[in-house]
Amino acid sequence: DFFKAAITRDAAGQTLRGLTPKYPAATFTDRA
């Protein structure tokens, strides 16, 4: 949120859009 606010403040209209992360299916299933 810091970077979003910084870019929005000092470079209005140039802020990178919200991205869509993706992960392998088993990412959140175990400790390892």
PDB file of all heavy atoms in Angstrom:
ATOM      1  N   ASP A   1       0.819  -1.205   0.000  1.00  0.00           N
ATOM      2  CA  ASP A   1       0.000   0.000   0.000  1.00  0.00           C
ATOM      3  C   ASP A   1       0.855   1.258   0.000  1.00  0.00           C
ATOM      4  O   ASP A   1       0.455   2.297  -0.533  1.00  0.00           O
ATOM      5  CB  ASP A   1      -0.945  -0.005   1.198  1.00  0.00           C
ATOM      6  CG  ASP A   1      -1.986  -1.111   1.111  1.00  0.00           C
ATOM      7  OD1 ASP A   1      -2.165  -1.679   0.012  1.00  0.00           O
ATOM      8  OD2 ASP A   1      -2.618  -1.423   2.139  1.00  0.00           O
ATOM      9  N   PHE A   2       2.036   1.171   0.580  1.00  0.00           N
ATOM     10  CA  PHE A   2       2.964   2.288   0.554  1.00  0.00           C
ATOM     11  C   PHE A   2       3.349   2.638  -0.877  1.00  0.00           C
ATOM     12  O   PHE A   2       3.294   3.809  -1.291  1.00  0.00           O
ATOM     13  CB  PHE A   2       4.202   1.961   1.378  1.00  0.00           C
ATOM     14  CG  PHE A   2       5.344   2.909   1.147  1.00  0.00           C
ATOM     15  CD1 PHE A   2       5.344   4.157   1.724  1.00  0.00           C
ATOM     16  CD2 PHE A   2       6.398   2.544   0.333  1.00  0.00           C
ATOM     17  CE1 PHE A   2       6.388   5.044   1.486  1.00  0.00           C
ATOM     18  CE2 PHE A   2       7.445   3.418   0.101  1.00  0.00           C
ATOM     19  CZ  PHE A   2       7.444   4.669   0.677  1.00  0.00           C
ATOM     20  N   PHE A   3       3.759   1.635  -1.658  1.00  0.00           N
ATOM     21  CA  PHE A   3       4.170   1.911  -3.027  1.00  0.00           C
ATOM     22  C   PHE A   3       3.001   2.410  -3.873  1.00  0.00           C
ATOM     23  O   PHE A   3       3.162   3.315  -4.696  1.00  0.00           O
ATOM     24  CB  PHE A   3       4.811   0.669  -3.665  1.00  0.00           C
ATOM     25  CG  PHE A   3       6.233   0.462  -3.246  1.00  0.00           C
ATOM     26  CD1 PHE A   3       6.583  -0.577  -2.406  1.00  0.00           C
ATOM     27  CD2 PHE A   3       7.231   1.326  -3.665  1.00  0.00           C
ATOM     28  CE1 PHE A   3       7.897  -0.760  -1.995  1.00  0.00           C
ATOM     29  CE2 PHE A   3       8.546   1.159  -3.266  1.00  0.00           C
ATOM     30  CZ  PHE A   3       8.882   0.114  -2.423  1.00  0.00           C
ATOM     31  N   LYS A   4       1.831   1.839  -3.667  1.00  0.00           N
ATOM     32  CA  LYS A   4       0.666   2.303  -4.413  1.00  0.00           C
ATOM     33  C   LYS A   4       0.391   3.771  -4.109  1.00  0.00           C
ATOM     34  O   LYS A   4       0.149   4.575  -5.024  1.00  0.00           O
ATOM     35  CB  LYS A   4      -0.560   1.454  -4.067  1.00  0.00           C
ATOM     36  CG  LYS A   4      -1.813   1.874  -4.838  1.00  0.00           C
ATOM     37  CD  LYS A   4      -2.991   0.960  -4.505  1.00  0.00           C
ATOM     38  CE  LYS A   4      -4.221   1.376  -5.308  1.00  0.00           C
ATOM     39  NZ  LYS A   4      -5.370   0.495  -5.011  1.00  0.00           N
ATOM     40  N   ALA A   5       0.432   4.141  -2.837  1.00  0.00           N
ATOM     41  CA  ALA A   5       0.171   5.527  -2.449  1.00  0.00           C
ATOM     42  C   ALA A   5       1.256   6.463  -2.978  1.00  0.00           C
ATOM     43  O   ALA A   5       0.971   7.586  -3.406  1.00  0.00           O
ATOM     44  CB  ALA A   5       0.068   5.629  -0.931  1.00  0.00           C
ATOM     45  N   ALA A   6       2.520   6.006  -2.947  1.00  0.00           N
ATOM     46  CA  ALA A   6       3.625   6.837  -3.418  1.00  0.00           C
ATOM     47  C   ALA A   6       3.487   7.144  -4.907  1.00  0.00           C
ATOM     48  O   ALA A   6       3.628   8.295  -5.341  1.00  0.00           O
ATOM     49  CB  ALA A   6       4.947   6.141  -3.144  1.00  0.00           C
ATOM     50  N   ILE A   7       3.215   6.110  -5.708  1.00  0.00           N
ATOM     51  CA  ILE A   7       3.098   6.315  -7.152  1.00  0.00           C
ATOM     52  C   ILE A   7       1.857   7.141  -7.470  1.00  0.00           C
ATOM     53  O   ILE A   7       1.897   8.040  -8.319  1.00  0.00           O
ATOM     54  CB  ILE A   7       3.053   4.968  -7.901  1.00  0.00           C
ATOM     55  CG1 ILE A   7       4.276   4.126  -7.553  1.00  0.00           C
ATOM     56  CG2 ILE A   7       3.002   5.196  -9.411  1.00  0.00           C
ATOM     57  CD1 ILE A   7       4.160   2.670  -7.961  1.00  0.00           C
ATOM     58  N   THR A   8       0.763   6.856  -6.788  1.00  0.00           N
ATOM     59  CA  THR A   8      -0.469   7.604  -7.023  1.00  0.00           C
ATOM     60  C   THR A   8      -0.256   9.079  -6.712  1.00  0.00           C
ATOM     61  O   THR A   8      -0.752   9.954  -7.426  1.00  0.00           O
ATOM     62  CB  THR A   8      -1.611   7.048  -6.152  1.00  0.00           C
ATOM     63  OG1 THR A   8      -1.828   5.681  -6.511  1.00  0.00           O
ATOM     64  CG2 THR A   8      -2.896   7.832  -6.363  1.00  0.00           C
ATOM     65  N   ARG A   9       0.494   9.349  -5.662  1.00  0.00           N
ATOM     66  CA  ARG A   9       0.731  10.739  -5.279  1.00  0.00           C
ATOM     67  C   ARG A   9       1.657  11.459  -6.248  1.00  0.00           C
ATOM     68  O   ARG A   9       1.385  12.575  -6.674  1.00  0.00           O
ATOM     69  CB  ARG A   9       1.339  10.790  -3.880  1.00  0.00           C
ATOM     70  CG  ARG A   9       1.795  12.196  -3.512  1.00  0.00           C
ATOM     71  CD  ARG A   9       2.472  12.244  -2.164  1.00  0.00           C
ATOM     72  NE  ARG A   9       3.312  13.429  -2.117  1.00  0.00           N
ATOM     73  CZ  ARG A   9       3.978  13.812  -1.051  1.00  0.00           C
ATOM     74  NH1 ARG A   9       3.908  13.099   0.049  1.00  0.00           N
ATOM     75  NH2 ARG A   9       4.721  14.885  -1.070  1.00  0.00           N
ATOM     76  N   ASP A  10       2.783  10.828  -6.620  1.00  0.00           N
ATOM     77  CA  ASP A  10       3.821  11.523  -7.374  1.00  0.00           C
ATOM     78  C   ASP A  10       3.797  11.247  -8.873  1.00  0.00           C
ATOM     79  O   ASP A  10       4.511  11.898  -9.627  1.00  0.00           O
ATOM     80  CB  ASP A  10       5.195  11.152  -6.818  1.00  0.00           C
ATOM     81  CG  ASP A  10       5.430  11.752  -5.445  1.00  0.00           C
ATOM     82  OD1 ASP A  10       4.781  12.766  -5.128  1.00  0.00           O
ATOM     83  OD2 ASP A  10       6.244  11.208  -4.683  1.00  0.00           O
ATOM     84  N   ALA A  11       3.015  10.285  -9.309  1.00  0.00           N
ATOM     85  CA  ALA A  11       2.920   9.973 -10.745  1.00  0.00           C
ATOM     86  C   ALA A  11       1.494   9.538 -11.055  1.00  0.00           C
ATOM     87  O   ALA A  11       1.247   8.417 -11.495  1.00  0.00           O
ATOM     88  CB  ALA A  11       3.920   8.887 -11.125  1.00  0.00           C
ATOM     89  N   ALA A  12       0.562  10.447 -10.818  1.00  0.00           N
ATOM     90  CA  ALA A  12      -0.862  10.134 -10.974  1.00  0.00           C
ATOM     91  C   ALA A  12      -1.146   9.541 -12.349  1.00  0.00           C
ATOM     92  O   ALA A  12      -0.669  10.026 -13.373  1.00  0.00           O
ATOM     93  CB  ALA A  12      -1.689  11.395 -10.770  1.00  0.00           C
ATOM     94  N   GLY A  13      -1.899   8.456 -12.348  1.00  0.00           N
ATOM     95  CA  GLY A  13      -2.272   7.801 -13.594  1.00  0.00           C
ATOM     96  C   GLY A  13      -1.263   6.793 -14.093  1.00  0.00           C
ATOM     97  O   GLY A  13      -1.499   6.143 -15.117  1.00  0.00           O
ATOM     98  N   GLN A  14      -0.146   6.633 -13.391  1.00  0.00           N
ATOM     99  CA  GLN A  14       0.902   5.718 -13.844  1.00  0.00           C
ATOM    100  C   GLN A  14       1.075   4.522 -12.912  1.00  0.00           C
ATOM    101  O   GLN A  14       2.013   3.740 -13.063  1.00  0.00           O
ATOM    102  CB  GLN A  14       2.225   6.472 -13.961  1.00  0.00           C
ATOM    103  CG  GLN A  14       2.167   7.630 -14.955  1.00  0.00           C
ATOM    104  CD  GLN A  14       3.475   8.381 -15.012  1.00  0.00           C
ATOM    105  OE1 GLN A  14       4.529   7.780 -15.249  1.00  0.00           O
ATOM    106  NE2 GLN A  14       3.440   9.684 -14.798  1.00  0.00           N
ATOM    107  N   THR A  15       0.179   4.366 -11.956  1.00  0.00           N
ATOM    108  CA  THR A  15       0.297   3.270 -10.993  1.00  0.00           C
ATOM    109  C   THR A  15      -0.024   1.936 -11.641  1.00  0.00           C
ATOM    110  O   THR A  15      -1.048   1.796 -12.316  1.00  0.00           O
ATOM    111  CB  THR A  15      -0.659   3.498  -9.812  1.00  0.00           C
ATOM    112  OG1 THR A  15      -0.475   4.811  -9.303  1.00  0.00           O
ATOM    113  CG2 THR A  15      -0.415   2.484  -8.714  1.00  0.00           C
ATOM    114  N   LEU A  16       0.841   0.968 -11.440  1.00  0.00           N
ATOM    115  CA  LEU A  16       0.605  -0.380 -11.943  1.00  0.00           C
ATOM    116  C   LEU A  16      -0.737  -0.900 -11.443  1.00  0.00           C
ATOM    117  O   LEU A  16      -1.095  -0.718 -10.282  1.00  0.00           O
ATOM    118  CB  LEU A  16       1.730  -1.302 -11.470  1.00  0.00           C
ATOM    119  CG  LEU A  16       1.620  -2.784 -11.831  1.00  0.00           C
ATOM    120  CD1 LEU A  16       1.755  -2.974 -13.336  1.00  0.00           C
ATOM    121  CD2 LEU A  16       2.688  -3.588 -11.081  1.00  0.00           C
ATOM    122  N   ARG A  17      -1.474  -1.536 -12.317  1.00  0.00           N
ATOM    123  CA  ARG A  17      -2.769  -2.093 -11.927  1.00  0.00           C
ATOM    124  C   ARG A  17      -2.605  -3.230 -10.918  1.00  0.00           C
ATOM    125  O   ARG A  17      -1.519  -3.765 -10.729  1.00  0.00           O
ATOM    126  CB  ARG A  17      -3.495  -2.626 -13.168  1.00  0.00           C
ATOM    127  CG  ARG A  17      -2.884  -3.889 -13.753  1.00  0.00           C
ATOM    128  CD  ARG A  17      -3.447  -4.260 -15.109  1.00  0.00           C
ATOM    129  NE  ARG A  17      -3.031  -3.312 -16.127  1.00  0.00           N
ATOM    130  CZ  ARG A  17      -3.280  -3.459 -17.434  1.00  0.00           C
ATOM    131  NH1 ARG A  17      -3.973  -4.508 -17.850  1.00  0.00           N
ATOM    132  NH2 ARG A  17      -2.865  -2.568 -18.296  1.00  0.00           N
ATOM    133  N   GLY A  18      -3.696  -3.589 -10.274  1.00  0.00           N
ATOM    134  CA  GLY A  18      -3.672  -4.727  -9.375  1.00  0.00           C
ATOM    135  C   GLY A  18      -3.398  -6.008 -10.141  1.00  0.00           C
ATOM    136  O   GLY A  18      -4.035  -6.270 -11.173  1.00  0.00           O
ATOM    137  N   LEU A  19      -2.447  -6.806  -9.688  1.00  0.00           N
ATOM    138  CA  LEU A  19      -2.070  -8.036 -10.374  1.00  0.00           C
ATOM    139  C   LEU A  19      -2.828  -9.235  -9.819  1.00  0.00           C
ATOM    140  O   LEU A  19      -3.417  -9.182  -8.744  1.00  0.00           O
ATOM    141  CB  LEU A  19      -0.560  -8.259 -10.232  1.00  0.00           C
ATOM    142  CG  LEU A  19       0.323  -7.150 -10.801  1.00  0.00           C
ATOM    143  CD1 LEU A  19       1.796  -7.454 -10.520  1.00  0.00           C
ATOM    144  CD2 LEU A  19       0.086  -6.946 -12.293  1.00  0.00           C
ATOM    145  N   THR A  20      -2.790 -10.344 -10.560  1.00  0.00           N
ATOM    146  CA  THR A  20      -3.476 -11.572 -10.162  1.00  0.00           C
ATOM    147  C   THR A  20      -2.448 -12.659  -9.911  1.00  0.00           C
ATOM    148  O   THR A  20      -1.969 -13.311 -10.841  1.00  0.00           O
ATOM    149  CB  THR A  20      -4.451 -12.029 -11.264  1.00  0.00           C
ATOM    150  OG1 THR A  20      -5.286 -10.937 -11.659  1.00  0.00           O
ATOM    151  CG2 THR A  20      -5.310 -13.192 -10.769  1.00  0.00           C
ATOM    152  N   PRO A  21      -2.049 -12.864  -8.662  1.00  0.00           N
ATOM    153  CA  PRO A  21      -1.074 -13.913  -8.363  1.00  0.00           C
ATOM    154  C   PRO A  21      -1.642 -15.304  -8.649  1.00  0.00           C
ATOM    155  O   PRO A  21      -2.858 -15.518  -8.603  1.00  0.00           O
ATOM    156  CB  PRO A  21      -0.801 -13.728  -6.867  1.00  0.00           C
ATOM    157  CG  PRO A  21      -1.177 -12.312  -6.583  1.00  0.00           C
ATOM    158  CD  PRO A  21      -2.371 -12.059  -7.476  1.00  0.00           C
ATOM    159  N   LYS A  22      -0.746 -16.244  -8.921  1.00  0.00           N
ATOM    160  CA  LYS A  22      -1.142 -17.634  -9.133  1.00  0.00           C
ATOM    161  C   LYS A  22      -0.092 -18.531  -8.476  1.00  0.00           C
ATOM    162  O   LYS A  22       1.088 -18.175  -8.382  1.00  0.00           O
ATOM    163  CB  LYS A  22      -1.270 -17.950 -10.623  1.00  0.00           C
ATOM    164  CG  LYS A  22       0.010 -17.744 -11.425  1.00  0.00           C
ATOM    165  CD  LYS A  22      -0.197 -18.063 -12.903  1.00  0.00           C
ATOM    166  CE  LYS A  22       1.108 -17.860 -13.687  1.00  0.00           C
ATOM    167  NZ  LYS A  22       0.955 -18.202 -15.119  1.00  0.00           N
ATOM    168  N   TYR A  23      -0.529 -19.690  -8.014  1.00  0.00           N
ATOM    169  CA  TYR A  23       0.356 -20.582  -7.277  1.00  0.00           C
ATOM    170  C   TYR A  23       0.116 -22.026  -7.701  1.00  0.00           C
ATOM    171  O   TYR A  23      -0.999 -22.388  -8.115  1.00  0.00           O
ATOM    172  CB  TYR A  23       0.094 -20.478  -5.767  1.00  0.00           C
ATOM    173  CG  TYR A  23       0.072 -19.070  -5.231  1.00  0.00           C
ATOM    174  CD1 TYR A  23      -1.144 -18.379  -5.117  1.00  0.00           C
ATOM    175  CD2 TYR A  23       1.238 -18.430  -4.847  1.00  0.00           C
ATOM    176  CE1 TYR A  23      -1.176 -17.080  -4.624  1.00  0.00           C
ATOM    177  CE2 TYR A  23       1.212 -17.134  -4.346  1.00  0.00           C
ATOM    178  CZ  TYR A  23      -0.003 -16.461  -4.244  1.00  0.00           C
ATOM    179  OH  TYR A  23      -0.035 -15.180  -3.758  1.00  0.00           O
ATOM    180  N   PRO A  24       1.132 -22.872  -7.572  1.00  0.00           N
ATOM    181  CA  PRO A  24       0.909 -24.306  -7.778  1.00  0.00           C
ATOM    182  C   PRO A  24      -0.161 -24.807  -6.815  1.00  0.00           C
ATOM    183  O   PRO A  24      -0.333 -24.274  -5.713  1.00  0.00           O
ATOM    184  CB  PRO A  24       2.274 -24.921  -7.470  1.00  0.00           C
ATOM    185  CG  PRO A  24       3.251 -23.815  -7.736  1.00  0.00           C
ATOM    186  CD  PRO A  24       2.551 -22.555  -7.325  1.00  0.00           C
ATOM    187  N   ALA A  25      -0.880 -25.831  -7.217  1.00  0.00           N
ATOM    188  CA  ALA A  25      -2.039 -26.300  -6.462  1.00  0.00           C
ATOM    189  C   ALA A  25      -1.719 -26.650  -5.014  1.00  0.00           C
ATOM    190  O   ALA A  25      -2.544 -26.459  -4.117  1.00  0.00           O
ATOM    191  CB  ALA A  25      -2.653 -27.511  -7.174  1.00  0.00           C
ATOM    192  N   ALA A  26      -0.526 -27.174  -4.752  1.00  0.00           N
ATOM    193  CA  ALA A  26      -0.200 -27.656  -3.405  1.00  0.00           C
ATOM    194  C   ALA A  26       0.473 -26.605  -2.520  1.00  0.00           C
ATOM    195  O   ALA A  26       0.911 -26.921  -1.411  1.00  0.00           O
ATOM    196  CB  ALA A  26       0.701 -28.879  -3.500  1.00  0.00           C
ATOM    197  N   THR A  27       0.532 -25.359  -2.977  1.00  0.00           N
ATOM    198  CA  THR A  27       1.310 -24.337  -2.268  1.00  0.00           C
ATOM    199  C   THR A  27       0.932 -24.204  -0.802  1.00  0.00           C
ATOM    200  O   THR A  27       1.798 -24.110   0.076  1.00  0.00           O
ATOM    201  CB  THR A  27       1.157 -22.975  -2.956  1.00  0.00           C
ATOM    202  OG1 THR A  27       1.662 -23.060  -4.293  1.00  0.00           O
ATOM    203  CG2 THR A  27       1.914 -21.890  -2.195  1.00  0.00           C
ATOM    204  N   PHE A  28      -0.349 -24.202  -0.496  1.00  0.00           N
ATOM    205  CA  PHE A  28      -0.812 -23.897   0.862  1.00  0.00           C
ATOM    206  C   PHE A  28      -1.262 -25.142   1.645  1.00  0.00           C
ATOM    207  O   PHE A  28      -1.953 -25.025   2.645  1.00  0.00           O
ATOM    208  CB  PHE A  28      -1.955 -22.882   0.797  1.00  0.00           C
ATOM    209  CG  PHE A  28      -1.579 -21.608   0.097  1.00  0.00           C
ATOM    210  CD1 PHE A  28      -1.930 -21.396  -1.230  1.00  0.00           C
ATOM    211  CD2 PHE A  28      -0.861 -20.618   0.759  1.00  0.00           C
ATOM    212  CE1 PHE A  28      -1.573 -20.216  -1.885  1.00  0.00           C
ATOM    213  CE2 PHE A  28      -0.504 -19.437   0.125  1.00  0.00           C
ATOM    214  CZ  PHE A  28      -0.847 -19.242  -1.212  1.00  0.00           C
ATOM    215  N   THR A  29      -0.815 -26.301   1.186  1.00  0.00           N
ATOM    216  CA  THR A  29      -1.322 -27.540   1.790  1.00  0.00           C
ATOM    217  C   THR A  29      -0.450 -28.090   2.911  1.00  0.00           C
ATOM    218  O   THR A  29      -0.930 -28.855   3.749  1.00  0.00           O
ATOM    219  CB  THR A  29      -1.485 -28.632   0.721  1.00  0.00           C
ATOM    220  OG1 THR A  29      -0.214 -28.880   0.114  1.00  0.00           O
ATOM    221  CG2 THR A  29      -2.487 -28.211  -0.331  1.00  0.00           C
ATOM    222  N   ASP A  30       0.840 -27.745   2.928  1.00  0.00           N
ATOM    223  CA  ASP A  30       1.708 -28.289   3.973  1.00  0.00           C
ATOM    224  C   ASP A  30       2.844 -27.319   4.278  1.00  0.00           C
ATOM    225  O   ASP A  30       3.082 -26.348   3.555  1.00  0.00           O
ATOM    226  CB  ASP A  30       2.261 -29.662   3.597  1.00  0.00           C
ATOM    227  CG  ASP A  30       3.059 -29.657   2.305  1.00  0.00           C
ATOM    228  OD1 ASP A  30       3.937 -28.779   2.148  1.00  0.00           O
ATOM    229  OD2 ASP A  30       2.804 -30.523   1.451  1.00  0.00           O
ATOM    230  N   ARG A  31       3.539 -27.592   5.371  1.00  0.00           N
ATOM    231  CA  ARG A  31       4.604 -26.718   5.859  1.00  0.00           C
ATOM    232  C   ARG A  31       5.724 -26.565   4.842  1.00  0.00           C
ATOM    233  O   ARG A  31       6.204 -25.443   4.586  1.00  0.00           O
ATOM    234  CB  ARG A  31       5.146 -27.270   7.177  1.00  0.00           C
ATOM    235  CG  ARG A  31       6.313 -26.493   7.772  1.00  0.00           C
ATOM    236  CD  ARG A  31       6.831 -27.197   9.031  1.00  0.00           C
ATOM    237  NE  ARG A  31       8.054 -26.593   9.529  1.00  0.00           N
ATOM    238  CZ  ARG A  31       8.123 -25.612  10.411  1.00  0.00           C
ATOM    239  NH1 ARG A  31       7.009 -25.118  10.903  1.00  0.00           N
ATOM    240  NH2 ARG A  31       9.289 -25.131  10.807  1.00  0.00           N
ATOM    241  N   ALA A  32       6.142 -27.667   4.245  1.00  0.00           N
ATOM    242  CA  ALA A  32       7.275 -27.620   3.320  1.00  0.00           C
ATOM    243  C   ALA A  32       6.993 -26.708   2.136  1.00  0.00           C
ATOM    244  O   ALA A  32       7.850 -25.910   1.727  1.00  0.00           O
ATOM    245  CB  ALA A  32       7.621 -29.031   2.841  1.00  0.00           C
TER     246      ALA A  32
END
